Amino acid sequence: MEPQIMRSPAGERVLGKVYPARELATLLNKQADVLRGCEGGVTFSGGEPLMQAQFVSEVIDLLEDLHIVLDTSGYASEGDFRMVAGKSDLVYYDLKLVDRQAHLRYTGVDNALILSNLRAASSLGVPFVVRVPLIPGVTDTGENLTLIAATIRGLRGLERVELLPYNKAAGGKYKGLGMEFQPAFDERRDVNIDIKPFVSAGIPVKIEGVDMAGLRSKLVSCQ
């Protein structure tokens, strides 16, 4: 199949190319020695890779001893989640909101599958990292972060939480598609970067782009 072309005010851009599982695995295996030499591997991300769970599973089966990371929102059937996550070496698990109504409002879908698969992740014997995108006034509230900490506390296989401060690049991408970016939140607000709920729960926490040693020193000095 020929690559798909996206046409926008910003010009033409190749959206991607469709590969059969064996063809993609062959391309990746050609880089296997380089990837292993750099302590790297293959990450299945997206979008949502579990929308193509069978395809991803087939590709993994054809890879030659490469480290596999599944980067997922967990929004998939439990069977698809277990099939792919069970073949991975590490899972990055995106968790935005615990409250069902808030999740429905901001994402348009129920979070029951996401929370169920999070529990399933704990039973697979595969290490996982919970990643929380910090959206100002939405996911970064003290209430939501406390709920997340309570939800994941004690889960087997949990390595750490990663907090991902809001990135304003999304607005520019909408413009490139000829669309107007209208977030349901005030993106001008400072993000609430609060690690205390996770520290109190005994959960290791990391913040993207932040010196954690310096931050912990500030927290101690303020207590």
N, C-alpha and C. Protein backbone atom coordinates (compact mmCIF):
# COMPACT_ATOMS: atom_id res chain seq x y z
N MET A 1 0.85 -1.19 0.00
CA MET A 1 0.00 0.00 0.00
C MET A 1 0.88 1.24 0.00
N GLU A 2 0.49 2.23 -0.79
CA GLU A 2 1.28 3.45 -0.89
C GLU A 2 1.13 4.29 0.39
N PRO A 3 2.18 5.07 0.72
CA PRO A 3 2.09 5.96 1.89
C PRO A 3 0.93 6.93 1.73
N GLN A 4 0.28 7.25 2.84
CA GLN A 4 -0.81 8.21 2.82
C GLN A 4 -0.26 9.62 2.98
N ILE A 5 -0.89 10.56 2.27
CA ILE A 5 -0.43 11.94 2.28
C ILE A 5 -1.45 12.81 2.99
N MET A 6 -1.00 13.63 3.93
CA MET A 6 -1.86 14.60 4.60
C MET A 6 -1.62 15.96 3.97
N ARG A 7 -2.68 16.61 3.54
CA ARG A 7 -2.57 17.94 2.93
C ARG A 7 -3.18 18.96 3.88
N SER A 8 -2.42 20.01 4.18
CA SER A 8 -2.86 21.03 5.11
C SER A 8 -2.26 22.37 4.68
N PRO A 9 -2.66 23.47 5.33
CA PRO A 9 -2.06 24.76 5.01
C PRO A 9 -0.54 24.77 5.17
N ALA A 10 -0.03 23.84 5.96
CA ALA A 10 1.42 23.78 6.16
C ALA A 10 2.12 23.00 5.06
N GLY A 11 1.35 22.45 4.11
CA GLY A 11 1.94 21.68 3.03
C GLY A 11 1.61 20.21 3.13
N GLU A 12 2.26 19.39 2.30
CA GLU A 12 2.01 17.95 2.31
C GLU A 12 2.96 17.24 3.27
N ARG A 13 2.42 16.18 3.87
CA ARG A 13 3.22 15.41 4.81
C ARG A 13 2.82 13.95 4.73
N VAL A 14 3.81 13.08 4.73
CA VAL A 14 3.53 11.64 4.70
C VAL A 14 3.03 11.20 6.06
N LEU A 15 1.83 10.62 6.08
CA LEU A 15 1.25 10.16 7.35
C LEU A 15 1.88 8.86 7.82
N GLY A 16 2.21 8.01 6.89
CA GLY A 16 2.79 6.75 7.29
C GLY A 16 2.70 5.73 6.18
N LYS A 17 3.25 4.57 6.43
CA LYS A 17 3.22 3.50 5.46
C LYS A 17 2.73 2.23 6.14
N VAL A 18 1.93 1.48 5.44
CA VAL A 18 1.38 0.24 5.99
C VAL A 18 2.34 -0.91 5.70
N TYR A 19 2.69 -1.67 6.77
CA TYR A 19 3.58 -2.82 6.63
C TYR A 19 2.88 -4.09 7.09
N PRO A 20 3.07 -5.20 6.41
CA PRO A 20 2.71 -6.49 6.98
C PRO A 20 3.63 -6.78 8.16
N ALA A 21 3.19 -7.60 9.09
CA ALA A 21 3.97 -7.88 10.30
C ALA A 21 5.37 -8.39 9.98
N ARG A 22 5.49 -9.33 9.05
CA ARG A 22 6.80 -9.90 8.76
C ARG A 22 7.74 -8.88 8.14
N GLU A 23 7.22 -8.02 7.27
CA GLU A 23 8.06 -7.01 6.63
C GLU A 23 8.59 -6.01 7.66
N LEU A 24 7.72 -5.57 8.58
CA LEU A 24 8.18 -4.64 9.61
C LEU A 24 9.20 -5.30 10.53
N ALA A 25 8.95 -6.54 10.93
CA ALA A 25 9.89 -7.24 11.80
C ALA A 25 11.24 -7.42 11.12
N THR A 26 11.23 -7.67 9.82
CA THR A 26 12.49 -7.81 9.07
C THR A 26 13.29 -6.52 9.11
N LEU A 27 12.62 -5.39 8.93
CA LEU A 27 13.29 -4.10 8.99
C LEU A 27 13.89 -3.85 10.37
N LEU A 28 13.13 -4.17 11.41
CA LEU A 28 13.62 -3.96 12.77
C LEU A 28 14.77 -4.91 13.11
N ASN A 29 14.68 -6.15 12.65
CA ASN A 29 15.74 -7.11 12.94
C ASN A 29 17.06 -6.73 12.29
N LYS A 30 17.00 -6.00 11.19
CA LYS A 30 18.23 -5.53 10.55
C LYS A 30 19.00 -4.57 11.46
N GLN A 31 18.27 -3.93 12.37
CA GLN A 31 18.90 -2.98 13.30
C GLN A 31 19.15 -3.61 14.67
N ALA A 32 18.89 -4.89 14.80
CA ALA A 32 18.93 -5.54 16.12
C ALA A 32 20.29 -5.39 16.80
N ASP A 33 21.38 -5.63 16.08
CA ASP A 33 22.71 -5.55 16.69
C ASP A 33 23.01 -4.14 17.19
N VAL A 34 22.62 -3.14 16.40
CA VAL A 34 22.84 -1.75 16.80
C VAL A 34 22.01 -1.41 18.03
N LEU A 35 20.75 -1.82 18.02
CA LEU A 35 19.87 -1.53 19.15
C LEU A 35 20.35 -2.19 20.43
N ARG A 36 20.73 -3.45 20.33
CA ARG A 36 21.23 -4.14 21.53
C ARG A 36 22.53 -3.54 22.01
N GLY A 37 23.40 -3.12 21.08
CA GLY A 37 24.68 -2.53 21.45
C GLY A 37 24.52 -1.21 22.18
N CYS A 38 23.42 -0.51 21.92
CA CYS A 38 23.14 0.78 22.57
C CYS A 38 22.18 0.62 23.74
N GLU A 39 21.97 -0.61 24.18
CA GLU A 39 21.02 -0.92 25.25
C GLU A 39 19.63 -0.39 24.91
N GLY A 40 19.28 -0.49 23.65
CA GLY A 40 17.98 -0.03 23.19
C GLY A 40 17.07 -1.19 22.86
N GLY A 41 16.03 -0.89 22.11
CA GLY A 41 15.06 -1.90 21.74
C GLY A 41 13.97 -1.30 20.88
N VAL A 42 12.78 -1.85 20.97
CA VAL A 42 11.65 -1.40 20.17
C VAL A 42 10.51 -0.99 21.08
N THR A 43 9.97 0.20 20.85
CA THR A 43 8.82 0.69 21.60
C THR A 43 7.60 0.76 20.68
N PHE A 44 6.52 0.13 21.10
CA PHE A 44 5.26 0.22 20.36
C PHE A 44 4.41 1.29 21.05
N SER A 45 4.22 2.38 20.33
CA SER A 45 3.54 3.53 20.89
C SER A 45 2.45 3.96 19.92
N GLY A 46 2.13 5.25 19.89
CA GLY A 46 1.07 5.68 18.98
C GLY A 46 0.81 7.15 19.09
N GLY A 47 -0.45 7.50 19.02
CA GLY A 47 -1.69 6.73 19.07
C GLY A 47 -1.74 5.63 20.12
N GLU A 48 -2.58 4.67 19.84
CA GLU A 48 -2.75 3.54 20.75
C GLU A 48 -2.41 2.25 20.04
N PRO A 49 -1.25 1.63 20.40
CA PRO A 49 -0.83 0.41 19.72
C PRO A 49 -1.79 -0.76 19.89
N LEU A 50 -2.56 -0.76 20.98
CA LEU A 50 -3.48 -1.88 21.21
C LEU A 50 -4.68 -1.84 20.29
N MET A 51 -4.85 -0.77 19.51
CA MET A 51 -5.87 -0.77 18.46
C MET A 51 -5.48 -1.74 17.35
N GLN A 52 -4.20 -2.11 17.32
CA GLN A 52 -3.68 -3.10 16.37
C GLN A 52 -2.99 -4.21 17.15
N ALA A 53 -3.66 -4.70 18.19
CA ALA A 53 -3.04 -5.64 19.12
C ALA A 53 -2.53 -6.90 18.44
N GLN A 54 -3.32 -7.48 17.56
CA GLN A 54 -2.92 -8.71 16.89
C GLN A 54 -1.67 -8.48 16.04
N PHE A 55 -1.65 -7.36 15.32
CA PHE A 55 -0.49 -7.02 14.49
C PHE A 55 0.76 -6.84 15.35
N VAL A 56 0.64 -6.07 16.44
CA VAL A 56 1.79 -5.84 17.32
C VAL A 56 2.28 -7.16 17.90
N SER A 57 1.36 -8.01 18.31
CA SER A 57 1.72 -9.31 18.86
C SER A 57 2.50 -10.14 17.84
N GLU A 58 2.05 -10.13 16.59
CA GLU A 58 2.73 -10.89 15.54
C GLU A 58 4.13 -10.34 15.28
N VAL A 59 4.28 -9.02 15.29
CA VAL A 59 5.60 -8.43 15.08
C VAL A 59 6.55 -8.84 16.20
N ILE A 60 6.07 -8.75 17.45
CA ILE A 60 6.92 -9.12 18.59
C ILE A 60 7.41 -10.56 18.46
N ASP A 61 6.53 -11.44 18.05
CA ASP A 61 6.90 -12.85 17.90
C ASP A 61 8.02 -13.05 16.88
N LEU A 62 8.14 -12.12 15.94
CA LEU A 62 9.12 -12.26 14.86
C LEU A 62 10.43 -11.52 15.14
N LEU A 63 10.49 -10.78 16.24
CA LEU A 63 11.69 -10.01 16.56
C LEU A 63 12.76 -10.90 17.19
N GLU A 64 14.00 -10.53 16.95
CA GLU A 64 15.14 -11.34 17.38
C GLU A 64 15.74 -10.82 18.68
N ASP A 65 15.20 -11.28 19.80
CA ASP A 65 15.76 -10.99 21.12
C ASP A 65 15.98 -9.49 21.33
N LEU A 66 14.95 -8.70 21.10
CA LEU A 66 15.02 -7.26 21.32
C LEU A 66 14.17 -6.88 22.53
N HIS A 67 14.63 -5.90 23.26
CA HIS A 67 13.88 -5.39 24.41
C HIS A 67 12.63 -4.69 23.89
N ILE A 68 11.46 -5.05 24.45
CA ILE A 68 10.18 -4.54 23.96
C ILE A 68 9.51 -3.68 25.03
N VAL A 69 9.12 -2.48 24.62
CA VAL A 69 8.33 -1.60 25.49
C VAL A 69 6.96 -1.38 24.85
N LEU A 70 5.92 -1.54 25.64
CA LEU A 70 4.56 -1.22 25.21
C LEU A 70 4.16 0.09 25.88
N ASP A 71 3.87 1.10 25.09
CA ASP A 71 3.45 2.42 25.59
C ASP A 71 1.96 2.56 25.29
N THR A 72 1.12 2.44 26.32
CA THR A 72 -0.32 2.31 26.09
C THR A 72 -1.14 3.14 27.07
N SER A 73 -2.35 3.47 26.66
CA SER A 73 -3.31 4.11 27.56
C SER A 73 -4.10 3.07 28.35
N GLY A 74 -3.97 1.80 27.95
CA GLY A 74 -4.73 0.74 28.62
C GLY A 74 -6.16 0.64 28.16
N TYR A 75 -6.54 1.44 27.15
CA TYR A 75 -7.92 1.41 26.69
C TYR A 75 -8.05 0.35 25.60
N ALA A 76 -8.28 -0.88 26.04
CA ALA A 76 -8.40 -2.03 25.14
C ALA A 76 -9.05 -3.16 25.92
N SER A 77 -9.46 -4.21 25.20
CA SER A 77 -9.99 -5.38 25.90
C SER A 77 -8.89 -5.99 26.75
N GLU A 78 -9.28 -6.65 27.83
CA GLU A 78 -8.27 -7.27 28.70
C GLU A 78 -7.49 -8.34 27.94
N GLY A 79 -8.16 -9.04 27.03
CA GLY A 79 -7.47 -10.07 26.25
C GLY A 79 -6.37 -9.47 25.39
N ASP A 80 -6.67 -8.37 24.70
CA ASP A 80 -5.66 -7.72 23.87
C ASP A 80 -4.53 -7.16 24.72
N PHE A 81 -4.89 -6.56 25.86
CA PHE A 81 -3.85 -6.01 26.74
C PHE A 81 -2.92 -7.11 27.24
N ARG A 82 -3.49 -8.19 27.73
CA ARG A 82 -2.65 -9.27 28.25
C ARG A 82 -1.79 -9.89 27.15
N MET A 83 -2.35 -10.01 25.95
CA MET A 83 -1.62 -10.63 24.84
C MET A 83 -0.34 -9.87 24.52
N VAL A 84 -0.43 -8.54 24.45
CA VAL A 84 0.73 -7.75 24.06
C VAL A 84 1.61 -7.41 25.26
N ALA A 85 1.01 -6.99 26.37
CA ALA A 85 1.80 -6.65 27.55
C ALA A 85 2.57 -7.85 28.06
N GLY A 86 1.96 -9.03 27.95
CA GLY A 86 2.63 -10.25 28.41
C GLY A 86 3.86 -10.63 27.61
N LYS A 87 3.99 -10.07 26.40
CA LYS A 87 5.15 -10.33 25.56
C LYS A 87 6.17 -9.20 25.64
N SER A 88 5.90 -8.19 26.47
CA SER A 88 6.76 -7.02 26.57
C SER A 88 7.71 -7.15 27.76
N ASP A 89 8.79 -6.38 27.71
CA ASP A 89 9.74 -6.36 28.82
C ASP A 89 9.43 -5.24 29.80
N LEU A 90 8.71 -4.22 29.32
CA LEU A 90 8.35 -3.07 30.15
C LEU A 90 7.09 -2.44 29.56
N VAL A 91 6.20 -1.99 30.43
CA VAL A 91 4.99 -1.31 29.97
C VAL A 91 4.97 0.11 30.51
N TYR A 92 4.78 1.07 29.63
CA TYR A 92 4.49 2.44 30.03
C TYR A 92 2.96 2.58 30.00
N TYR A 93 2.38 2.90 31.16
CA TYR A 93 0.92 2.91 31.28
C TYR A 93 0.45 4.33 31.56
N ASP A 94 -0.26 4.89 30.60
CA ASP A 94 -0.76 6.25 30.70
C ASP A 94 -2.00 6.28 31.57
N LEU A 95 -1.99 7.07 32.64
CA LEU A 95 -3.14 7.18 33.53
C LEU A 95 -3.44 8.66 33.76
N LYS A 96 -4.58 9.10 33.24
CA LYS A 96 -4.90 10.52 33.29
C LYS A 96 -5.77 10.87 34.50
N LEU A 97 -6.92 10.23 34.59
CA LEU A 97 -7.92 10.57 35.60
C LEU A 97 -8.52 9.31 36.21
N VAL A 98 -8.72 9.33 37.52
CA VAL A 98 -9.34 8.19 38.19
C VAL A 98 -10.85 8.36 38.26
N ASP A 99 -11.31 9.59 38.46
CA ASP A 99 -12.74 9.84 38.55
C ASP A 99 -13.41 9.56 37.20
N ARG A 100 -14.44 8.71 37.22
CA ARG A 100 -15.09 8.28 35.97
C ARG A 100 -15.71 9.44 35.21
N GLN A 101 -16.46 10.30 35.90
CA GLN A 101 -17.15 11.39 35.22
C GLN A 101 -16.16 12.38 34.61
N ALA A 102 -15.08 12.67 35.33
CA ALA A 102 -14.06 13.57 34.80
C ALA A 102 -13.40 12.96 33.57
N HIS A 103 -13.17 11.64 33.62
CA HIS A 103 -12.55 10.96 32.48
C HIS A 103 -13.47 11.02 31.26
N LEU A 104 -14.76 10.79 31.48
CA LEU A 104 -15.74 10.89 30.40
C LEU A 104 -15.75 12.29 29.80
N ARG A 105 -15.71 13.29 30.66
CA ARG A 105 -15.80 14.68 30.20
C ARG A 105 -14.61 15.06 29.32
N TYR A 106 -13.42 14.70 29.75
CA TYR A 106 -12.23 15.18 29.06
C TYR A 106 -11.71 14.26 27.96
N THR A 107 -12.07 12.98 28.01
CA THR A 107 -11.57 12.05 26.99
C THR A 107 -12.68 11.49 26.12
N GLY A 108 -13.92 11.56 26.60
CA GLY A 108 -15.04 11.03 25.82
C GLY A 108 -15.31 9.56 26.03
N VAL A 109 -14.53 8.90 26.89
CA VAL A 109 -14.75 7.47 27.14
C VAL A 109 -14.67 7.17 28.64
N ASP A 110 -15.29 6.07 29.02
CA ASP A 110 -15.25 5.57 30.39
C ASP A 110 -13.85 5.03 30.68
N ASN A 111 -13.43 5.10 31.94
CA ASN A 111 -12.09 4.60 32.28
C ASN A 111 -12.11 3.22 32.93
N ALA A 112 -13.26 2.53 32.88
CA ALA A 112 -13.35 1.21 33.52
C ALA A 112 -12.33 0.23 32.94
N LEU A 113 -12.20 0.20 31.61
CA LEU A 113 -11.22 -0.69 30.97
C LEU A 113 -9.81 -0.35 31.40
N ILE A 114 -9.52 0.93 31.48
CA ILE A 114 -8.17 1.39 31.83
C ILE A 114 -7.81 0.95 33.24
N LEU A 115 -8.72 1.14 34.18
CA LEU A 115 -8.44 0.76 35.56
C LEU A 115 -8.39 -0.76 35.71
N SER A 116 -9.22 -1.48 34.94
CA SER A 116 -9.21 -2.94 34.99
C SER A 116 -7.88 -3.49 34.44
N ASN A 117 -7.43 -2.93 33.33
CA ASN A 117 -6.16 -3.40 32.75
C ASN A 117 -4.97 -3.00 33.61
N LEU A 118 -5.10 -1.92 34.35
CA LEU A 118 -4.03 -1.55 35.28
C LEU A 118 -3.87 -2.63 36.34
N ARG A 119 -5.00 -3.14 36.83
CA ARG A 119 -4.93 -4.25 37.80
C ARG A 119 -4.38 -5.51 37.14
N ALA A 120 -4.75 -5.71 35.87
CA ALA A 120 -4.22 -6.88 35.14
C ALA A 120 -2.72 -6.78 34.99
N ALA A 121 -2.22 -5.57 34.76
CA ALA A 121 -0.77 -5.36 34.60
C ALA A 121 -0.02 -5.86 35.83
N SER A 122 -0.64 -5.68 36.99
CA SER A 122 0.00 -6.09 38.24
C SER A 122 0.12 -7.60 38.37
N SER A 123 -0.64 -8.34 37.56
CA SER A 123 -0.64 -9.80 37.67
C SER A 123 0.21 -10.48 36.61
N LEU A 124 0.79 -9.70 35.70
CA LEU A 124 1.50 -10.28 34.56
C LEU A 124 2.96 -10.63 34.84
N GLY A 125 3.52 -10.05 35.89
CA GLY A 125 4.94 -10.27 36.15
C GLY A 125 5.84 -9.44 35.25
N VAL A 126 5.27 -8.43 34.59
CA VAL A 126 6.03 -7.53 33.73
C VAL A 126 6.13 -6.17 34.42
N PRO A 127 7.32 -5.60 34.57
CA PRO A 127 7.44 -4.29 35.22
C PRO A 127 6.71 -3.22 34.42
N PHE A 128 6.12 -2.26 35.13
CA PHE A 128 5.43 -1.18 34.43
C PHE A 128 5.64 0.15 35.13
N VAL A 129 5.52 1.21 34.35
CA VAL A 129 5.66 2.59 34.82
C VAL A 129 4.35 3.31 34.54
N VAL A 130 3.78 3.92 35.56
CA VAL A 130 2.57 4.73 35.36
C VAL A 130 3.00 6.15 35.01
N ARG A 131 2.49 6.64 33.87
CA ARG A 131 2.84 7.98 33.40
C ARG A 131 1.59 8.87 33.45
N VAL A 132 1.74 10.01 34.09
CA VAL A 132 0.61 10.93 34.28
C VAL A 132 0.89 12.24 33.56
N PRO A 133 0.17 12.51 32.46
CA PRO A 133 0.32 13.82 31.81
C PRO A 133 -0.36 14.88 32.67
N LEU A 134 0.39 15.90 33.04
CA LEU A 134 -0.15 16.94 33.92
C LEU A 134 -0.79 18.04 33.10
N ILE A 135 -2.12 18.02 33.02
CA ILE A 135 -2.88 19.03 32.30
C ILE A 135 -3.40 20.04 33.31
N PRO A 136 -3.10 21.33 33.13
CA PRO A 136 -3.46 22.33 34.15
C PRO A 136 -4.95 22.37 34.45
N GLY A 137 -5.27 22.18 35.73
CA GLY A 137 -6.65 22.24 36.17
C GLY A 137 -7.46 20.99 35.88
N VAL A 138 -6.84 19.99 35.26
CA VAL A 138 -7.56 18.77 34.89
C VAL A 138 -6.95 17.56 35.59
N THR A 139 -5.76 17.17 35.18
CA THR A 139 -5.13 15.99 35.78
C THR A 139 -4.14 16.34 36.89
N ASP A 140 -3.78 17.62 37.00
CA ASP A 140 -2.73 18.00 37.95
C ASP A 140 -3.27 18.41 39.31
N THR A 141 -4.58 18.24 39.54
CA THR A 141 -5.15 18.66 40.82
C THR A 141 -4.68 17.75 41.95
N GLY A 142 -4.63 18.31 43.15
CA GLY A 142 -4.24 17.52 44.30
C GLY A 142 -5.14 16.32 44.50
N GLU A 143 -6.44 16.51 44.24
CA GLU A 143 -7.41 15.41 44.40
C GLU A 143 -7.11 14.27 43.43
N ASN A 144 -6.86 14.59 42.16
CA ASN A 144 -6.61 13.54 41.17
C ASN A 144 -5.29 12.82 41.45
N LEU A 145 -4.25 13.58 41.78
CA LEU A 145 -2.95 12.96 42.04
C LEU A 145 -3.02 12.06 43.28
N THR A 146 -3.80 12.48 44.28
CA THR A 146 -3.98 11.65 45.47
C THR A 146 -4.74 10.38 45.13
N LEU A 147 -5.77 10.49 44.28
CA LEU A 147 -6.52 9.32 43.85
C LEU A 147 -5.65 8.35 43.06
N ILE A 148 -4.79 8.88 42.21
CA ILE A 148 -3.89 8.03 41.43
C ILE A 148 -2.94 7.28 42.36
N ALA A 149 -2.37 8.02 43.32
CA ALA A 149 -1.45 7.39 44.26
C ALA A 149 -2.14 6.26 45.03
N ALA A 150 -3.38 6.50 45.46
CA ALA A 150 -4.12 5.47 46.20
C ALA A 150 -4.45 4.29 45.31
N THR A 151 -4.72 4.55 44.04
CA THR A 151 -5.10 3.49 43.10
C THR A 151 -3.94 2.55 42.79
N ILE A 152 -2.74 3.10 42.67
CA ILE A 152 -1.60 2.28 42.24
C ILE A 152 -0.74 1.79 43.40
N ARG A 153 -1.00 2.30 44.57
CA ARG A 153 -0.19 1.90 45.73
C ARG A 153 -0.28 0.40 45.95
N GLY A 154 0.87 -0.24 46.08
CA GLY A 154 0.91 -1.66 46.38
C GLY A 154 0.79 -2.58 45.18
N LEU A 155 0.63 -2.02 43.97
CA LEU A 155 0.53 -2.87 42.79
C LEU A 155 1.87 -3.55 42.51
N ARG A 156 1.85 -4.84 42.36
CA ARG A 156 3.07 -5.58 42.04
C ARG A 156 3.54 -5.21 40.64
N GLY A 157 4.85 -5.05 40.51
CA GLY A 157 5.43 -4.73 39.21
C GLY A 157 5.58 -3.25 38.95
N LEU A 158 4.95 -2.39 39.79
CA LEU A 158 5.07 -0.95 39.58
C LEU A 158 6.48 -0.49 39.90
N GLU A 159 7.15 0.08 38.92
CA GLU A 159 8.52 0.56 39.12
C GLU A 159 8.56 1.98 39.65
N ARG A 160 7.71 2.85 39.09
CA ARG A 160 7.69 4.26 39.49
C ARG A 160 6.53 4.96 38.80
N VAL A 161 6.32 6.19 39.19
CA VAL A 161 5.39 7.09 38.50
C VAL A 161 6.22 8.15 37.80
N GLU A 162 5.82 8.49 36.59
CA GLU A 162 6.46 9.59 35.87
C GLU A 162 5.42 10.67 35.62
N LEU A 163 5.69 11.87 36.08
CA LEU A 163 4.80 13.01 35.85
C LEU A 163 5.30 13.78 34.64
N LEU A 164 4.40 14.02 33.69
CA LEU A 164 4.78 14.65 32.43
C LEU A 164 4.13 16.02 32.32
N PRO A 165 4.86 17.10 32.61
CA PRO A 165 4.28 18.44 32.55
C PRO A 165 3.71 18.76 31.17
N TYR A 166 2.63 19.51 31.16
CA TYR A 166 1.90 19.86 29.94
C TYR A 166 2.81 20.49 28.90
N ASN A 167 2.66 20.03 27.66
CA ASN A 167 3.44 20.54 26.53
C ASN A 167 2.50 21.30 25.59
N LYS A 168 2.80 22.57 25.36
CA LYS A 168 1.91 23.41 24.56
C LYS A 168 2.07 23.20 23.05
N ALA A 169 2.86 22.21 22.66
CA ALA A 169 3.08 21.98 21.22
C ALA A 169 1.82 21.52 20.50
N ALA A 170 0.85 20.99 21.24
CA ALA A 170 -0.36 20.45 20.61
C ALA A 170 -1.07 21.51 19.78
N GLY A 171 -1.15 22.73 20.28
CA GLY A 171 -1.84 23.79 19.56
C GLY A 171 -1.28 24.02 18.18
N GLY A 172 0.04 23.96 18.05
CA GLY A 172 0.67 24.15 16.76
C GLY A 172 0.34 23.04 15.78
N LYS A 173 0.17 21.82 16.30
CA LYS A 173 -0.17 20.69 15.43
C LYS A 173 -1.58 20.85 14.86
N TYR A 174 -2.49 21.35 15.68
CA TYR A 174 -3.85 21.59 15.19
C TYR A 174 -3.81 22.60 14.05
N LYS A 175 -3.04 23.66 14.22
CA LYS A 175 -2.96 24.69 13.20
C LYS A 175 -2.43 24.12 11.90
N GLY A 176 -1.46 23.20 12.00
CA GLY A 176 -0.91 22.56 10.81
C GLY A 176 -1.92 21.74 10.05
N LEU A 177 -2.99 21.33 10.74
CA LEU A 177 -4.05 20.55 10.11
C LEU A 177 -5.22 21.43 9.68
N GLY A 178 -5.05 22.74 9.85
CA GLY A 178 -6.12 23.65 9.47
C GLY A 178 -7.27 23.64 10.45
N MET A 179 -6.99 23.24 11.70
CA MET A 179 -8.02 23.15 12.73
C MET A 179 -7.75 24.19 13.81
N GLU A 180 -8.79 24.54 14.54
CA GLU A 180 -8.64 25.47 15.66
C GLU A 180 -8.50 24.70 16.96
N PHE A 181 -7.48 25.03 17.72
CA PHE A 181 -7.24 24.36 19.00
C PHE A 181 -8.07 25.05 20.08
N GLN A 182 -9.01 24.31 20.66
CA GLN A 182 -9.89 24.86 21.69
C GLN A 182 -9.90 23.95 22.91
N PRO A 183 -8.85 24.02 23.72
CA PRO A 183 -8.78 23.14 24.89
C PRO A 183 -9.85 23.49 25.91
N ALA A 184 -10.33 22.47 26.61
CA ALA A 184 -11.36 22.67 27.64
C ALA A 184 -10.73 23.01 28.98
N PHE A 185 -9.59 23.68 28.94
CA PHE A 185 -8.88 24.08 30.15
C PHE A 185 -8.03 25.30 29.79
N ASP A 186 -7.53 25.97 30.79
CA ASP A 186 -6.71 27.16 30.59
C ASP A 186 -5.25 26.76 30.51
N GLU A 187 -4.73 26.66 29.30
CA GLU A 187 -3.35 26.19 29.17
C GLU A 187 -2.33 27.24 29.58
N ARG A 188 -2.81 28.45 29.92
CA ARG A 188 -1.89 29.48 30.39
C ARG A 188 -1.54 29.30 31.87
N ARG A 189 -2.31 28.49 32.58
CA ARG A 189 -2.07 28.25 33.99
C ARG A 189 -0.78 27.48 34.21
N ASP A 190 -0.12 27.77 35.31
CA ASP A 190 1.05 26.98 35.68
C ASP A 190 0.60 25.58 36.08
N VAL A 191 1.39 24.60 35.71
CA VAL A 191 1.06 23.22 36.06
C VAL A 191 1.41 22.96 37.52
N ASN A 192 0.53 22.26 38.21
CA ASN A 192 0.76 21.86 39.59
C ASN A 192 1.59 20.58 39.61
N ILE A 193 2.87 20.72 39.88
CA ILE A 193 3.76 19.56 39.94
C ILE A 193 3.92 19.15 41.40
N ASP A 194 3.14 18.19 41.81
CA ASP A 194 3.08 17.81 43.22
C ASP A 194 3.42 16.33 43.37
N ILE A 195 4.58 16.06 43.98
CA ILE A 195 4.99 14.67 44.16
C ILE A 195 4.60 14.13 45.53
N LYS A 196 4.08 14.99 46.39
CA LYS A 196 3.82 14.57 47.78
C LYS A 196 2.88 13.38 47.90
N PRO A 197 1.78 13.30 47.11
CA PRO A 197 0.91 12.12 47.25
C PRO A 197 1.63 10.81 46.99
N PHE A 198 2.60 10.83 46.08
CA PHE A 198 3.33 9.61 45.73
C PHE A 198 4.42 9.32 46.76
N VAL A 199 5.10 10.36 47.21
CA VAL A 199 6.11 10.18 48.25
C VAL A 199 5.46 9.62 49.52
N SER A 200 4.30 10.18 49.88
CA SER A 200 3.59 9.72 51.08
C SER A 200 3.16 8.27 50.96
N ALA A 201 2.86 7.83 49.72
CA ALA A 201 2.43 6.45 49.48
C ALA A 201 3.61 5.51 49.28
N GLY A 202 4.82 6.04 49.34
CA GLY A 202 6.01 5.21 49.18
C GLY A 202 6.25 4.79 47.74
N ILE A 203 5.77 5.59 46.79
CA ILE A 203 5.90 5.26 45.37
C ILE A 203 7.02 6.10 44.75
N PRO A 204 8.03 5.49 44.17
CA PRO A 204 9.08 6.27 43.49
C PRO A 204 8.47 7.15 42.41
N VAL A 205 8.95 8.38 42.30
CA VAL A 205 8.36 9.32 41.35
C VAL A 205 9.45 10.08 40.61
N LYS A 206 9.19 10.34 39.35
CA LYS A 206 10.12 11.07 38.50
C LYS A 206 9.32 12.10 37.71
N ILE A 207 9.90 13.29 37.52
CA ILE A 207 9.23 14.33 36.74
C ILE A 207 10.07 14.60 35.50
N GLU A 208 9.44 14.51 34.35
CA GLU A 208 10.15 14.73 33.10
C GLU A 208 10.76 16.13 33.07
N GLY A 209 12.07 16.19 32.85
CA GLY A 209 12.76 17.46 32.71
C GLY A 209 13.06 18.18 34.01
N VAL A 210 12.92 17.49 35.17
CA VAL A 210 13.13 18.14 36.47
C VAL A 210 14.21 17.40 37.25
N ASP A 211 15.07 18.17 37.91
CA ASP A 211 16.10 17.61 38.78
C ASP A 211 15.43 17.13 40.07
N MET A 212 15.23 15.83 40.20
CA MET A 212 14.49 15.30 41.34
C MET A 212 15.25 15.48 42.65
N ALA A 213 16.58 15.38 42.60
CA ALA A 213 17.36 15.55 43.83
C ALA A 213 17.17 16.96 44.39
N GLY A 214 17.20 17.95 43.49
CA GLY A 214 17.01 19.33 43.92
C GLY A 214 15.61 19.57 44.43
N LEU A 215 14.61 18.97 43.78
CA LEU A 215 13.23 19.14 44.21
C LEU A 215 13.01 18.54 45.58
N ARG A 216 13.55 17.36 45.83
CA ARG A 216 13.36 16.72 47.13
C ARG A 216 14.02 17.53 48.23
N SER A 217 15.18 18.16 47.91
CA SER A 217 15.86 19.00 48.89
C SER A 217 14.99 20.19 49.29
N LYS A 218 14.30 20.77 48.30
CA LYS A 218 13.41 21.90 48.56
C LYS A 218 12.23 21.46 49.43
N LEU A 219 11.70 20.26 49.15
CA LEU A 219 10.57 19.76 49.94
C LEU A 219 10.95 19.56 51.39
N VAL A 220 12.15 19.00 51.61
CA VAL A 220 12.61 18.76 52.97
C VAL A 220 12.80 20.07 53.71
N SER A 221 13.37 21.07 53.02
CA SER A 221 13.64 22.35 53.67
C SER A 221 12.36 23.10 54.01
N CYS A 222 11.25 22.77 53.30
CA CYS A 222 9.98 23.46 53.54
C CYS A 222 9.14 22.79 54.62
N GLN A 223 9.56 21.61 55.04
CA GLN A 223 8.76 20.88 56.03
C GLN A 223 9.07 21.35 57.45
